[in-house]
Amino acid sequence: EGTTGIHGIDLLGRKIIMGGGIAFRAFTEEVSKTIKKVKLEVL
């Protein structure tokens, strides 16, 4: 289902910029939400 090289091009060349970068921002927000939960609730 596509070599690793093809998926690297897919991620960097297409997926990062799709929707004006909305998906990448959503991903970073999800990760940041987990980091914030740890900081506030699980010291």
ModelCIF file with pLDDT and N, C-alpha, C, O atoms, coordinates in Angstrom:
data_MODEL
#
_entry.id   MODEL 
#
_entity.id                         1 
_entity.type                       polymer 
_entity.pdbx_number_of_molecules   1 
#
_entity_poly.entity_id                      1 
_entity_poly.type                           'polypeptide(L)' 
_entity_poly.nstd_linkage                   no 
_entity_poly.nstd_monomer                   no 
_entity_poly.pdbx_seq_one_letter_code       EGTTGIHGIDLLGRKIIMGGGIAFRAFTEEVSKTIKKVKLEVL 
_entity_poly.pdbx_seq_one_letter_code_can   EGTTGIHGIDLLGRKIIMGGGIAFRAFTEEVSKTIKKVKLEVL 
_entity_poly.pdbx_strand_id                 A 
#
loop_
_entity_poly_seq.entity_id 
_entity_poly_seq.num 
_entity_poly_seq.mon_id 
_entity_poly_seq.hetero 
1 1  GLU n 
1 2  GLY n 
1 3  THR n 
1 4  THR n 
1 5  GLY n 
1 6  ILE n 
1 7  HIS n 
1 8  GLY n 
1 9  ILE n 
1 10 ASP n 
1 11 LEU n 
1 12 LEU n 
1 13 GLY n 
1 14 ARG n 
1 15 LYS n 
1 16 ILE n 
1 17 ILE n 
1 18 MET n 
1 19 GLY n 
1 20 GLY n 
1 21 GLY n 
1 22 ILE n 
1 23 ALA n 
1 24 PHE n 
1 25 ARG n 
1 26 ALA n 
1 27 PHE n 
1 28 THR n 
1 29 GLU n 
1 30 GLU n 
1 31 VAL n 
1 32 SER n 
1 33 LYS n 
1 34 THR n 
1 35 ILE n 
1 36 LYS n 
1 37 LYS n 
1 38 VAL n 
1 39 LYS n 
1 40 LEU n 
1 41 GLU n 
1 42 VAL n 
1 43 LEU n 
#
_struct_asym.id          A 
_struct_asym.entity_id   1 
#
loop_
_ma_qa_metric.id 
_ma_qa_metric.mode 
_ma_qa_metric.name 
_ma_qa_metric.software_group_id 
_ma_qa_metric.type 
1 global pLDDT . pLDDT 
2 local  pLDDT . pLDDT 
#
_ma_qa_metric_global.metric_id      1 
_ma_qa_metric_global.metric_value   94.63 
_ma_qa_metric_global.model_id       1 
_ma_qa_metric_global.ordinal_id     1 
#
loop_
_ma_qa_metric_local.label_asym_id 
_ma_qa_metric_local.label_comp_id 
_ma_qa_metric_local.label_seq_id 
_ma_qa_metric_local.metric_id 
_ma_qa_metric_local.metric_value 
_ma_qa_metric_local.model_id 
_ma_qa_metric_local.ordinal_id 
A GLU 1  2 91.00 1 1  
A GLY 2  2 92.00 1 2  
A THR 3  2 95.00 1 3  
A THR 4  2 96.00 1 4  
A GLY 5  2 96.00 1 5  
A ILE 6  2 95.00 1 6  
A HIS 7  2 96.00 1 7  
A GLY 8  2 97.00 1 8  
A ILE 9  2 96.00 1 9  
A ASP 10 2 95.00 1 10 
A LEU 11 2 96.00 1 11 
A LEU 12 2 96.00 1 12 
A GLY 13 2 94.00 1 13 
A ARG 14 2 93.00 1 14 
A LYS 15 2 94.00 1 15 
A ILE 16 2 94.00 1 16 
A ILE 17 2 90.00 1 17 
A MET 18 2 88.00 1 18 
A GLY 19 2 85.00 1 19 
A GLY 20 2 88.00 1 20 
A GLY 21 2 92.00 1 21 
A ILE 22 2 94.00 1 22 
A ALA 23 2 94.00 1 23 
A PHE 24 2 96.00 1 24 
A ARG 25 2 96.00 1 25 
A ALA 26 2 95.00 1 26 
A PHE 27 2 97.00 1 27 
A THR 28 2 97.00 1 28 
A GLU 29 2 96.00 1 29 
A GLU 30 2 96.00 1 30 
A VAL 31 2 98.00 1 31 
A SER 32 2 97.00 1 32 
A LYS 33 2 97.00 1 33 
A THR 34 2 97.00 1 34 
A ILE 35 2 98.00 1 35 
A LYS 36 2 97.00 1 36 
A LYS 37 2 96.00 1 37 
A VAL 38 2 96.00 1 38 
A LYS 39 2 94.00 1 39 
A LEU 40 2 94.00 1 40 
A GLU 41 2 94.00 1 41 
A VAL 42 2 96.00 1 42 
A LEU 43 2 95.00 1 43 
#
loop_
_atom_site.group_PDB 
_atom_site.id 
_atom_site.type_symbol 
_atom_site.label_atom_id 
_atom_site.label_alt_id 
_atom_site.label_comp_id 
_atom_site.label_asym_id 
_atom_site.label_entity_id 
_atom_site.label_seq_id 
_atom_site.pdbx_PDB_ins_code 
_atom_site.Cartn_x 
_atom_site.Cartn_y 
_atom_site.Cartn_z 
_atom_site.occupancy 
_atom_site.B_iso_or_equiv 
_atom_site.pdbx_formal_charge 
_atom_site.auth_seq_id 
_atom_site.auth_comp_id 
_atom_site.auth_asym_id 
_atom_site.auth_atom_id 
_atom_site.pdbx_PDB_model_num 
ATOM 1   N N  . GLU A 1 1  ? 0.810  -1.228 0.000  1.00 91.00 ? 1  GLU A N  1 
ATOM 2   C CA . GLU A 1 1  ? 0.000  0.000  0.000  1.00 91.00 ? 1  GLU A CA 1 
ATOM 3   C C  . GLU A 1 1  ? 0.839  1.273  0.000  1.00 91.00 ? 1  GLU A C  1 
ATOM 4   O O  . GLU A 1 1  ? 0.520  2.248  0.679  1.00 91.00 ? 1  GLU A O  1 
ATOM 5   N N  . GLY A 1 2  ? 1.916  1.239  -0.775 1.00 92.00 ? 2  GLY A N  1 
ATOM 6   C CA . GLY A 1 2  ? 2.780  2.404  -0.897 1.00 92.00 ? 2  GLY A CA 1 
ATOM 7   C C  . GLY A 1 2  ? 4.008  2.285  -0.026 1.00 92.00 ? 2  GLY A C  1 
ATOM 8   O O  . GLY A 1 2  ? 3.904  2.013  1.170  1.00 92.00 ? 2  GLY A O  1 
ATOM 9   N N  . THR A 1 3  ? 5.176  2.489  -0.621 1.00 95.00 ? 3  THR A N  1 
ATOM 10  C CA . THR A 1 3  ? 6.422  2.401  0.137  1.00 95.00 ? 3  THR A CA 1 
ATOM 11  C C  . THR A 1 3  ? 6.506  3.547  1.142  1.00 95.00 ? 3  THR A C  1 
ATOM 12  O O  . THR A 1 3  ? 5.752  4.517  1.071  1.00 95.00 ? 3  THR A O  1 
ATOM 13  N N  . THR A 1 4  ? 7.436  3.408  2.071  1.00 96.00 ? 4  THR A N  1 
ATOM 14  C CA . THR A 1 4  ? 7.616  4.452  3.080  1.00 96.00 ? 4  THR A CA 1 
ATOM 15  C C  . THR A 1 4  ? 7.964  5.786  2.425  1.00 96.00 ? 4  THR A C  1 
ATOM 16  O O  . THR A 1 4  ? 7.495  6.836  2.863  1.00 96.00 ? 4  THR A O  1 
ATOM 17  N N  . GLY A 1 5  ? 8.781  5.746  1.380  1.00 96.00 ? 5  GLY A N  1 
ATOM 18  C CA . GLY A 1 5  ? 9.126  6.972  0.683  1.00 96.00 ? 5  GLY A CA 1 
ATOM 19  C C  . GLY A 1 5  ? 7.919  7.677  0.103  1.00 96.00 ? 5  GLY A C  1 
ATOM 20  O O  . GLY A 1 5  ? 7.822  8.903  0.162  1.00 96.00 ? 5  GLY A O  1 
ATOM 21  N N  . ILE A 1 6  ? 7.004  6.913  -0.455 1.00 95.00 ? 6  ILE A N  1 
ATOM 22  C CA . ILE A 1 6  ? 5.778  7.486  -1.015 1.00 95.00 ? 6  ILE A CA 1 
ATOM 23  C C  . ILE A 1 6  ? 4.945  8.139  0.081  1.00 95.00 ? 6  ILE A C  1 
ATOM 24  O O  . ILE A 1 6  ? 4.369  9.207  -0.124 1.00 95.00 ? 6  ILE A O  1 
ATOM 25  N N  . HIS A 1 7  ? 4.883  7.502  1.235  1.00 96.00 ? 7  HIS A N  1 
ATOM 26  C CA . HIS A 1 7  ? 4.085  8.062  2.328  1.00 96.00 ? 7  HIS A CA 1 
ATOM 27  C C  . HIS A 1 7  ? 4.751  9.287  2.950  1.00 96.00 ? 7  HIS A C  1 
ATOM 28  O O  . HIS A 1 7  ? 4.072  10.175 3.464  1.00 96.00 ? 7  HIS A O  1 
ATOM 29  N N  . GLY A 1 8  ? 6.087  9.331  2.901  1.00 97.00 ? 8  GLY A N  1 
ATOM 30  C CA . GLY A 1 8  ? 6.766  10.541 3.335  1.00 97.00 ? 8  GLY A CA 1 
ATOM 31  C C  . GLY A 1 8  ? 6.401  11.724 2.456  1.00 97.00 ? 8  GLY A C  1 
ATOM 32  O O  . GLY A 1 8  ? 6.132  12.815 2.958  1.00 97.00 ? 8  GLY A O  1 
ATOM 33  N N  . ILE A 1 9  ? 6.390  11.512 1.147  1.00 96.00 ? 9  ILE A N  1 
ATOM 34  C CA . ILE A 1 9  ? 5.998  12.548 0.201  1.00 96.00 ? 9  ILE A CA 1 
ATOM 35  C C  . ILE A 1 9  ? 4.538  12.925 0.404  1.00 96.00 ? 9  ILE A C  1 
ATOM 36  O O  . ILE A 1 9  ? 4.180  14.100 0.329  1.00 96.00 ? 9  ILE A O  1 
ATOM 37  N N  . ASP A 1 10 ? 3.696  11.930 0.660  1.00 95.00 ? 10 ASP A N  1 
ATOM 38  C CA . ASP A 1 10 ? 2.271  12.182 0.883  1.00 95.00 ? 10 ASP A CA 1 
ATOM 39  C C  . ASP A 1 10 ? 2.071  13.062 2.113  1.00 95.00 ? 10 ASP A C  1 
ATOM 40  O O  . ASP A 1 10 ? 1.293  14.014 2.081  1.00 95.00 ? 10 ASP A O  1 
ATOM 41  N N  . LEU A 1 11 ? 2.777  12.740 3.199  1.00 96.00 ? 11 LEU A N  1 
ATOM 42  C CA . LEU A 1 11 ? 2.614  13.506 4.442  1.00 96.00 ? 11 LEU A CA 1 
ATOM 43  C C  . LEU A 1 11 ? 3.119  14.933 4.282  1.00 96.00 ? 11 LEU A C  1 
ATOM 44  O O  . LEU A 1 11 ? 2.390  15.890 4.545  1.00 96.00 ? 11 LEU A O  1 
ATOM 45  N N  . LEU A 1 12 ? 4.366  15.073 3.850  1.00 96.00 ? 12 LEU A N  1 
ATOM 46  C CA . LEU A 1 12 ? 4.981  16.398 3.785  1.00 96.00 ? 12 LEU A CA 1 
ATOM 47  C C  . LEU A 1 12 ? 4.476  17.203 2.593  1.00 96.00 ? 12 LEU A C  1 
ATOM 48  O O  . LEU A 1 12 ? 4.276  18.413 2.693  1.00 96.00 ? 12 LEU A O  1 
ATOM 49  N N  . GLY A 1 13 ? 4.270  16.525 1.462  1.00 94.00 ? 13 GLY A N  1 
ATOM 50  C CA . GLY A 1 13 ? 3.903  17.241 0.247  1.00 94.00 ? 13 GLY A CA 1 
ATOM 51  C C  . GLY A 1 13 ? 2.435  17.548 0.102  1.00 94.00 ? 13 GLY A C  1 
ATOM 52  O O  . GLY A 1 13 ? 2.062  18.454 -0.644 1.00 94.00 ? 13 GLY A O  1 
ATOM 53  N N  . ARG A 1 14 ? 1.566  16.788 0.823  1.00 93.00 ? 14 ARG A N  1 
ATOM 54  C CA . ARG A 1 14 ? 0.126  16.981 0.656  1.00 93.00 ? 14 ARG A CA 1 
ATOM 55  C C  . ARG A 1 14 ? -0.621 17.136 1.975  1.00 93.00 ? 14 ARG A C  1 
ATOM 56  O O  . ARG A 1 14 ? -1.380 18.089 2.153  1.00 93.00 ? 14 ARG A O  1 
ATOM 57  N N  . LYS A 1 15 ? -0.412 16.211 2.889  1.00 94.00 ? 15 LYS A N  1 
ATOM 58  C CA . LYS A 1 15 ? -1.256 16.161 4.075  1.00 94.00 ? 15 LYS A CA 1 
ATOM 59  C C  . LYS A 1 15 ? -1.018 17.344 5.028  1.00 94.00 ? 15 LYS A C  1 
ATOM 60  O O  . LYS A 1 15 ? -1.961 17.839 5.645  1.00 94.00 ? 15 LYS A O  1 
ATOM 61  N N  . ILE A 1 16 ? 0.221  17.790 5.145  1.00 94.00 ? 16 ILE A N  1 
ATOM 62  C CA . ILE A 1 16 ? 0.530  18.895 6.060  1.00 94.00 ? 16 ILE A CA 1 
ATOM 63  C C  . ILE A 1 16 ? -0.171 20.182 5.638  1.00 94.00 ? 16 ILE A C  1 
ATOM 64  O O  . ILE A 1 16 ? -0.605 20.965 6.482  1.00 94.00 ? 16 ILE A O  1 
ATOM 65  N N  . ILE A 1 17 ? -0.281 20.394 4.327  1.00 90.00 ? 17 ILE A N  1 
ATOM 66  C CA . ILE A 1 17 ? -0.823 21.671 3.847  1.00 90.00 ? 17 ILE A CA 1 
ATOM 67  C C  . ILE A 1 17 ? -2.302 21.602 3.490  1.00 90.00 ? 17 ILE A C  1 
ATOM 68  O O  . ILE A 1 17 ? -2.900 22.633 3.180  1.00 90.00 ? 17 ILE A O  1 
ATOM 69  N N  . MET A 1 18 ? -2.915 20.409 3.526  1.00 88.00 ? 18 MET A N  1 
ATOM 70  C CA . MET A 1 18 ? -4.305 20.317 3.099  1.00 88.00 ? 18 MET A CA 1 
ATOM 71  C C  . MET A 1 18 ? -5.206 21.124 4.038  1.00 88.00 ? 18 MET A C  1 
ATOM 72  O O  . MET A 1 18 ? -4.986 21.196 5.247  1.00 88.00 ? 18 MET A O  1 
ATOM 73  N N  . GLY A 1 19 ? -6.211 21.715 3.435  1.00 85.00 ? 19 GLY A N  1 
ATOM 74  C CA . GLY A 1 19 ? -7.134 22.529 4.215  1.00 85.00 ? 19 GLY A CA 1 
ATOM 75  C C  . GLY A 1 19 ? -6.473 23.724 4.861  1.00 85.00 ? 19 GLY A C  1 
ATOM 76  O O  . GLY A 1 19 ? -6.919 24.207 5.902  1.00 85.00 ? 19 GLY A O  1 
ATOM 77  N N  . GLY A 1 20 ? -5.391 24.209 4.233  1.00 88.00 ? 20 GLY A N  1 
ATOM 78  C CA . GLY A 1 20 ? -4.688 25.344 4.815  1.00 88.00 ? 20 GLY A CA 1 
ATOM 79  C C  . GLY A 1 20 ? -3.949 24.996 6.094  1.00 88.00 ? 20 GLY A C  1 
ATOM 80  O O  . GLY A 1 20 ? -3.684 25.870 6.920  1.00 88.00 ? 20 GLY A O  1 
ATOM 81  N N  . GLY A 1 21 ? -3.613 23.720 6.261  1.00 92.00 ? 21 GLY A N  1 
ATOM 82  C CA . GLY A 1 21 ? -2.894 23.283 7.456  1.00 92.00 ? 21 GLY A CA 1 
ATOM 83  C C  . GLY A 1 21 ? -3.783 22.978 8.638  1.00 92.00 ? 21 GLY A C  1 
ATOM 84  O O  . GLY A 1 21 ? -3.294 22.832 9.759  1.00 92.00 ? 21 GLY A O  1 
ATOM 85  N N  . ILE A 1 22 ? -5.092 22.877 8.408  1.00 94.00 ? 22 ILE A N  1 
ATOM 86  C CA . ILE A 1 22 ? -6.028 22.685 9.517  1.00 94.00 ? 22 ILE A CA 1 
ATOM 87  C C  . ILE A 1 22 ? -5.828 21.346 10.222 1.00 94.00 ? 22 ILE A C  1 
ATOM 88  O O  . ILE A 1 22 ? -5.984 21.254 11.439 1.00 94.00 ? 22 ILE A O  1 
ATOM 89  N N  . ALA A 1 23 ? -5.484 20.308 9.462  1.00 94.00 ? 23 ALA A N  1 
ATOM 90  C CA . ALA A 1 23 ? -5.302 18.991 10.075 1.00 94.00 ? 23 ALA A CA 1 
ATOM 91  C C  . ALA A 1 23 ? -4.059 18.974 10.961 1.00 94.00 ? 23 ALA A C  1 
ATOM 92  O O  . ALA A 1 23 ? -4.072 18.407 12.054 1.00 94.00 ? 23 ALA A O  1 
ATOM 93  N N  . PHE A 1 24 ? -2.986 19.601 10.481 1.00 96.00 ? 24 PHE A N  1 
ATOM 94  C CA . PHE A 1 24 ? -1.760 19.653 11.283 1.00 96.00 ? 24 PHE A CA 1 
ATOM 95  C C  . PHE A 1 24 ? -1.995 20.429 12.575 1.00 96.00 ? 24 PHE A C  1 
ATOM 96  O O  . PHE A 1 24 ? -1.505 20.043 13.636 1.00 96.00 ? 24 PHE A O  1 
ATOM 97  N N  . ARG A 1 25 ? -2.743 21.520 12.481 1.00 96.00 ? 25 ARG A N  1 
ATOM 98  C CA . ARG A 1 25 ? -3.057 22.289 13.685 1.00 96.00 ? 25 ARG A CA 1 
ATOM 99  C C  . ARG A 1 25 ? -3.918 21.470 14.641 1.00 96.00 ? 25 ARG A C  1 
ATOM 100 O O  . ARG A 1 25 ? -3.724 21.516 15.856 1.00 96.00 ? 25 ARG A O  1 
ATOM 101 N N  . ALA A 1 26 ? -4.870 20.720 14.084 1.00 95.00 ? 26 ALA A N  1 
ATOM 102 C CA . ALA A 1 26 ? -5.725 19.885 14.931 1.00 95.00 ? 26 ALA A CA 1 
ATOM 103 C C  . ALA A 1 26 ? -4.895 18.823 15.650 1.00 95.00 ? 26 ALA A C  1 
ATOM 104 O O  . ALA A 1 26 ? -5.124 18.538 16.825 1.00 95.00 ? 26 ALA A O  1 
ATOM 105 N N  . PHE A 1 27 ? -3.933 18.242 14.938 1.00 97.00 ? 27 PHE A N  1 
ATOM 106 C CA . PHE A 1 27 ? -3.058 17.243 15.558 1.00 97.00 ? 27 PHE A CA 1 
ATOM 107 C C  . PHE A 1 27 ? -2.251 17.854 16.693 1.00 97.00 ? 27 PHE A C  1 
ATOM 108 O O  . PHE A 1 27 ? -2.199 17.294 17.788 1.00 97.00 ? 27 PHE A O  1 
ATOM 109 N N  . THR A 1 28 ? -1.624 18.992 16.445 1.00 97.00 ? 28 THR A N  1 
ATOM 110 C CA . THR A 1 28 ? -0.803 19.609 17.492 1.00 97.00 ? 28 THR A CA 1 
ATOM 111 C C  . THR A 1 28 ? -1.653 20.034 18.686 1.00 97.00 ? 28 THR A C  1 
ATOM 112 O O  . THR A 1 28 ? -1.187 19.997 19.825 1.00 97.00 ? 28 THR A O  1 
ATOM 113 N N  . GLU A 1 29 ? -2.889 20.436 18.432 1.00 96.00 ? 29 GLU A N  1 
ATOM 114 C CA . GLU A 1 29 ? -3.787 20.793 19.527 1.00 96.00 ? 29 GLU A CA 1 
ATOM 115 C C  . GLU A 1 29 ? -4.143 19.572 20.368 1.00 96.00 ? 29 GLU A C  1 
ATOM 116 O O  . GLU A 1 29 ? -4.244 19.673 21.591 1.00 96.00 ? 29 GLU A O  1 
ATOM 117 N N  . GLU A 1 30 ? -4.334 18.419 19.727 1.00 96.00 ? 30 GLU A N  1 
ATOM 118 C CA . GLU A 1 30 ? -4.627 17.192 20.464 1.00 96.00 ? 30 GLU A CA 1 
ATOM 119 C C  . GLU A 1 30 ? -3.452 16.792 21.359 1.00 96.00 ? 30 GLU A C  1 
ATOM 120 O O  . GLU A 1 30 ? -3.640 16.417 22.516 1.00 96.00 ? 30 GLU A O  1 
ATOM 121 N N  . VAL A 1 31 ? -2.240 16.876 20.806 1.00 98.00 ? 31 VAL A N  1 
ATOM 122 C CA . VAL A 1 31 ? -1.054 16.548 21.597 1.00 98.00 ? 31 VAL A CA 1 
ATOM 123 C C  . VAL A 1 31 ? -0.907 17.538 22.754 1.00 98.00 ? 31 VAL A C  1 
ATOM 124 O O  . VAL A 1 31 ? -0.619 17.144 23.885 1.00 98.00 ? 31 VAL A O  1 
ATOM 125 N N  . SER A 1 32 ? -1.105 18.818 22.463 1.00 97.00 ? 32 SER A N  1 
ATOM 126 C CA . SER A 1 32 ? -0.989 19.856 23.503 1.00 97.00 ? 32 SER A CA 1 
ATOM 127 C C  . SER A 1 32 ? -2.025 19.653 24.601 1.00 97.00 ? 32 SER A C  1 
ATOM 128 O O  . SER A 1 32 ? -1.756 19.920 25.772 1.00 97.00 ? 32 SER A O  1 
ATOM 129 N N  . LYS A 1 33 ? -3.213 19.178 24.221 1.00 97.00 ? 33 LYS A N  1 
ATOM 130 C CA . LYS A 1 33 ? -4.256 18.913 25.212 1.00 97.00 ? 33 LYS A CA 1 
ATOM 131 C C  . LYS A 1 33 ? -3.804 17.827 26.193 1.00 97.00 ? 33 LYS A C  1 
ATOM 132 O O  . LYS A 1 33 ? -4.049 17.930 27.395 1.00 97.00 ? 33 LYS A O  1 
ATOM 133 N N  . THR A 1 34 ? -3.147 16.792 25.678 1.00 97.00 ? 34 THR A N  1 
ATOM 134 C CA . THR A 1 34 ? -2.637 15.722 26.543 1.00 97.00 ? 34 THR A CA 1 
ATOM 135 C C  . THR A 1 34 ? -1.548 16.249 27.463 1.00 97.00 ? 34 THR A C  1 
ATOM 136 O O  . THR A 1 34 ? -1.511 15.917 28.648 1.00 97.00 ? 34 THR A O  1 
ATOM 137 N N  . ILE A 1 35 ? -0.657 17.075 26.912 1.00 98.00 ? 35 ILE A N  1 
ATOM 138 C CA . ILE A 1 35 ? 0.424  17.662 27.710 1.00 98.00 ? 35 ILE A CA 1 
ATOM 139 C C  . ILE A 1 35 ? -0.150 18.540 28.822 1.00 98.00 ? 35 ILE A C  1 
ATOM 140 O O  . ILE A 1 35 ? 0.326  18.505 29.957 1.00 98.00 ? 35 ILE A O  1 
ATOM 141 N N  . LYS A 1 36 ? -1.160 19.315 28.494 1.00 97.00 ? 36 LYS A N  1 
ATOM 142 C CA . LYS A 1 36 ? -1.789 20.200 29.479 1.00 97.00 ? 36 LYS A CA 1 
ATOM 143 C C  . LYS A 1 36 ? -2.467 19.392 30.587 1.00 97.00 ? 36 LYS A C  1 
ATOM 144 O O  . LYS A 1 36 ? -2.402 19.762 31.759 1.00 97.00 ? 36 LYS A O  1 
ATOM 145 N N  . LYS A 1 37 ? -3.113 18.293 30.212 1.00 96.00 ? 37 LYS A N  1 
ATOM 146 C CA . LYS A 1 37 ? -3.788 17.443 31.205 1.00 96.00 ? 37 LYS A CA 1 
ATOM 147 C C  . LYS A 1 37 ? -2.775 16.887 32.200 1.00 96.00 ? 37 LYS A C  1 
ATOM 148 O O  . LYS A 1 37 ? -3.035 16.847 33.402 1.00 96.00 ? 37 LYS A O  1 
ATOM 149 N N  . VAL A 1 38 ? -1.628 16.462 31.698 1.00 96.00 ? 38 VAL A N  1 
ATOM 150 C CA . VAL A 1 38 ? -0.574 15.949 32.576 1.00 96.00 ? 38 VAL A CA 1 
ATOM 151 C C  . VAL A 1 38 ? -0.096 17.042 33.528 1.00 96.00 ? 38 VAL A C  1 
ATOM 152 O O  . VAL A 1 38 ? 0.072  16.810 34.725 1.00 96.00 ? 38 VAL A O  1 
ATOM 153 N N  . LYS A 1 39 ? 0.115  18.218 32.987 1.00 94.00 ? 39 LYS A N  1 
ATOM 154 C CA . LYS A 1 39 ? 0.641  19.334 33.784 1.00 94.00 ? 39 LYS A CA 1 
ATOM 155 C C  . LYS A 1 39 ? -0.310 19.731 34.913 1.00 94.00 ? 39 LYS A C  1 
ATOM 156 O O  . LYS A 1 39 ? 0.124  20.101 36.004 1.00 94.00 ? 39 LYS A O  1 
ATOM 157 N N  . LEU A 1 40 ? -1.607 19.649 34.637 1.00 94.00 ? 40 LEU A N  1 
ATOM 158 C CA . LEU A 1 40 ? -2.591 20.116 35.607 1.00 94.00 ? 40 LEU A CA 1 
ATOM 159 C C  . LEU A 1 40 ? -3.095 19.025 36.541 1.00 94.00 ? 40 LEU A C  1 
ATOM 160 O O  . LEU A 1 40 ? -3.442 19.300 37.690 1.00 94.00 ? 40 LEU A O  1 
ATOM 161 N N  . GLU A 1 41 ? -3.136 17.775 36.047 1.00 94.00 ? 41 GLU A N  1 
ATOM 162 C CA . GLU A 1 41 ? -3.830 16.734 36.800 1.00 94.00 ? 41 GLU A CA 1 
ATOM 163 C C  . GLU A 1 41 ? -2.957 15.567 37.245 1.00 94.00 ? 41 GLU A C  1 
ATOM 164 O O  . GLU A 1 41 ? -3.277 14.905 38.232 1.00 94.00 ? 41 GLU A O  1 
ATOM 165 N N  . VAL A 1 42 ? -1.863 15.303 36.539 1.00 96.00 ? 42 VAL A N  1 
ATOM 166 C CA . VAL A 1 42 ? -1.025 14.144 36.877 1.00 96.00 ? 42 VAL A CA 1 
ATOM 167 C C  . VAL A 1 42 ? 0.419  14.619 36.967 1.00 96.00 ? 42 VAL A C  1 
ATOM 168 O O  . VAL A 1 42 ? 1.216  14.386 36.059 1.00 96.00 ? 42 VAL A O  1 
ATOM 169 N N  . LEU A 1 43 ? 0.742  15.274 38.048 1.00 95.00 ? 43 LEU A N  1 
ATOM 170 C CA . LEU A 1 43 ? 2.025  15.963 38.173 1.00 95.00 ? 43 LEU A CA 1 
ATOM 171 C C  . LEU A 1 43 ? 3.220  15.009 38.079 1.00 95.00 ? 43 LEU A C  1 
ATOM 172 O O  . LEU A 1 43 ? 4.367  15.446 38.168 1.00 95.00 ? 43 LEU A O  1 
#
